[in-house]
C-alpha atoms as a PDB file:
ATOM      1  CA  MET A   1     -11.681 -27.694  20.409  1.00  0.00           C
ATOM      2  CA  ARG A   2      -8.083 -25.991  19.656  1.00  0.00           C
ATOM      3  CA  ASP A   3      -7.338 -22.721  18.210  1.00  0.00           C
ATOM      4  CA  LYS A   4      -5.804 -22.681  15.382  1.00  0.00           C
ATOM      5  CA  LYS A   5      -3.246 -19.849  14.218  1.00  0.00           C
ATOM      6  CA  ASP A   6      -2.956 -18.153  10.565  1.00  0.00           C
ATOM      7  CA  ASN A   7       0.789 -18.467  10.321  1.00  0.00           C
ATOM      8  CA  ALA A   8       0.565 -17.970   6.511  1.00  0.00           C
ATOM      9  CA  THR A   9       0.455 -14.053   7.018  1.00  0.00           C
ATOM     10  CA  PHE A  10       3.532 -14.199   8.881  1.00  0.00           C
ATOM     11  CA  ASP A  11       5.056 -15.962   5.769  1.00  0.00           C
ATOM     12  CA  LEU A  12       4.379 -12.806   3.637  1.00  0.00           C
ATOM     13  CA  PRO A  13       7.201 -10.746   2.998  1.00  0.00           C
ATOM     14  CA  GLY A  14       7.092  -7.432   4.719  1.00  0.00           C
ATOM     15  CA  PHE A  15       5.733  -9.253   7.985  1.00  0.00           C
ATOM     16  CA  SER A  16       9.484  -9.514   9.349  1.00  0.00           C
ATOM     17  CA  PRO A  17      10.403  -7.350  12.601  1.00  0.00           C
ATOM     18  CA  ALA A  18      11.042  -4.098  12.389  1.00  0.00           C
ATOM     19  CA  ALA A  19      14.067  -2.414  12.301  1.00  0.00           C
ATOM     20  CA  PRO A  20      14.455  -0.138  15.647  1.00  0.00           C
ATOM     21  CA  LEU A  21      14.078   3.752  14.020  1.00  0.00           C
ATOM     22  CA  GLU A  22      16.941   6.218  14.440  1.00  0.00           C
ATOM     23  CA  PRO A  23      15.660   9.954  15.195  1.00  0.00           C
ATOM     24  CA  GLU A  24      16.013  12.169  12.369  1.00  0.00           C
ATOM     25  CA  PRO A  25      17.997  15.306  12.903  1.00  0.00           C
ATOM     26  CA  LYS A  26      16.040  18.307  13.752  1.00  0.00           C
ATOM     27  CA  ARG A  27      16.342  21.643  11.389  1.00  0.00           C
ATOM     28  CA  PRO A  28      16.801  24.767  12.812  1.00  0.00           C
ATOM     29  CA  PRO A  29      13.606  27.069  13.022  1.00  0.00           C
ATOM     30  CA  PRO A  30      12.902  29.672  10.156  1.00  0.00           C
ATOM     31  CA  PRO A  31      14.650  33.015  11.203  1.00  0.00           C
ATOM     32  CA  ARG A  32      11.889  35.517  12.499  1.00  0.00           C
ATOM     33  CA  SER A  33      10.760  38.559   9.914  1.00  0.00           C
ATOM     34  CA  LYS A  34      10.746  41.719  11.638  1.00  0.00           C
ATOM     35  CA  ARG A  35       7.336  43.521  11.130  1.00  0.00           C
ATOM     36  CA  ASN A  36       7.208  46.899  10.353  1.00  0.00           C
ATOM     37  CA  THR A  37       4.731  48.834  13.150  1.00  0.00           C
ATOM     38  CA  GLN A  38       3.612  52.175  12.407  1.00  0.00           C
ATOM     39  CA  LYS A  39       4.443  54.530  15.205  1.00  0.00           C
ATOM     40  CA  GLN A  40       1.046  55.327  17.521  1.00  0.00           C
ATOM     41  CA  VAL A  41       0.168  59.069  17.541  1.00  0.00           C
ATOM     42  CA  GLN A  42      -2.315  60.909  19.825  1.00  0.00           C
ATOM     43  CA  LEU A  43      -5.131  62.279  18.411  1.00  0.00           C
ATOM     44  CA  GLU A  44      -6.224  65.308  19.569  1.00  0.00           C
ATOM     45  CA  LEU A  45      -9.941  65.387  20.447  1.00  0.00           C
ATOM     46  CA  LEU A  46     -12.382  68.256  20.376  1.00  0.00           C
ATOM     47  CA  GLU A  47     -12.723  68.941  24.076  1.00  0.00           C
ATOM     48  CA  PRO A  48      -9.941  68.917  26.421  1.00  0.00           C
ATOM     49  CA  THR A  49      -9.280  65.710  28.460  1.00  0.00           C
ATOM     50  CA  ASP A  50      -7.967  65.147  31.864  1.00  0.00           C
ATOM     51  CA  THR A  51      -5.102  61.827  33.077  1.00  0.00           C
ATOM     52  CA  THR A  52      -8.139  59.250  32.355  1.00  0.00           C
ATOM     53  CA  GLY A  53      -9.429  60.481  28.903  1.00  0.00           C
ATOM     54  CA  LEU A  54     -12.839  61.928  30.501  1.00  0.00           C
ATOM     55  CA  PRO A  55     -13.757  65.427  29.692  1.00  0.00           C
ATOM     56  CA  LEU A  56     -12.616  68.018  31.669  1.00  0.00           C
ATOM     57  CA  TRP A  57     -15.588  69.946  33.904  1.00  0.00           C
ATOM     58  CA  VAL A  58     -16.213  73.052  32.821  1.00  0.00           C
ATOM     59  CA  ARG A  59     -18.255  75.359  35.158  1.00  0.00           C
ATOM     60  CA  ASP A  60     -21.251  76.866  33.111  1.00  0.00           C
ATOM     61  CA  ASP A  61     -23.401  80.035  34.546  1.00  0.00           C
ATOM     62  CA  LYS A  62     -26.143  78.741  32.764  1.00  0.00           C
ATOM     63  CA  LEU A  63     -26.053  75.162  34.660  1.00  0.00           C
ATOM     64  CA  ASP A  64     -26.230  74.533  38.319  1.00  0.00           C
ATOM     65  CA  LEU A  65     -23.726  71.820  40.341  1.00  0.00           C
ATOM     66  CA  THR A  66     -25.787  68.878  39.033  1.00  0.00           C
ATOM     67  CA  GLY A  67     -25.976  69.570  35.257  1.00  0.00           C
ATOM     68  CA  LEU A  68     -29.659  71.298  35.531  1.00  0.00           C
ATOM     69  CA  PRO A  69     -30.248  74.052  33.864  1.00  0.00           C
ATOM     70  CA  VAL A  70     -30.607  77.601  36.273  1.00  0.00           C
ATOM     71  CA  TRP A  71     -33.960  79.252  36.198  1.00  0.00           C
ATOM     72  CA  ALA A  72     -33.339  82.745  36.276  1.00  0.00           C
ATOM     73  CA  PRO A  73     -36.145  85.333  36.383  1.00  0.00           C
ATOM     74  CA  ASN A  74     -36.466  87.078  32.984  1.00  0.00           C
END
């Protein structure tokens, strides 16, 4: 048995070989708008800090070097 092709489809309008496509001209990108950025301000903290941002260690007579209270006789 032989397969028969349906050639009727190719007789319809619009089924001719496609014409080669021409590249579309590229548009330049739109100009970028500048953002108005606010200037950053360093806030003063309640306690003085070192360069890392940690609070400075302050010697307290009521605490020993480990931070525990000193037990003084009354």
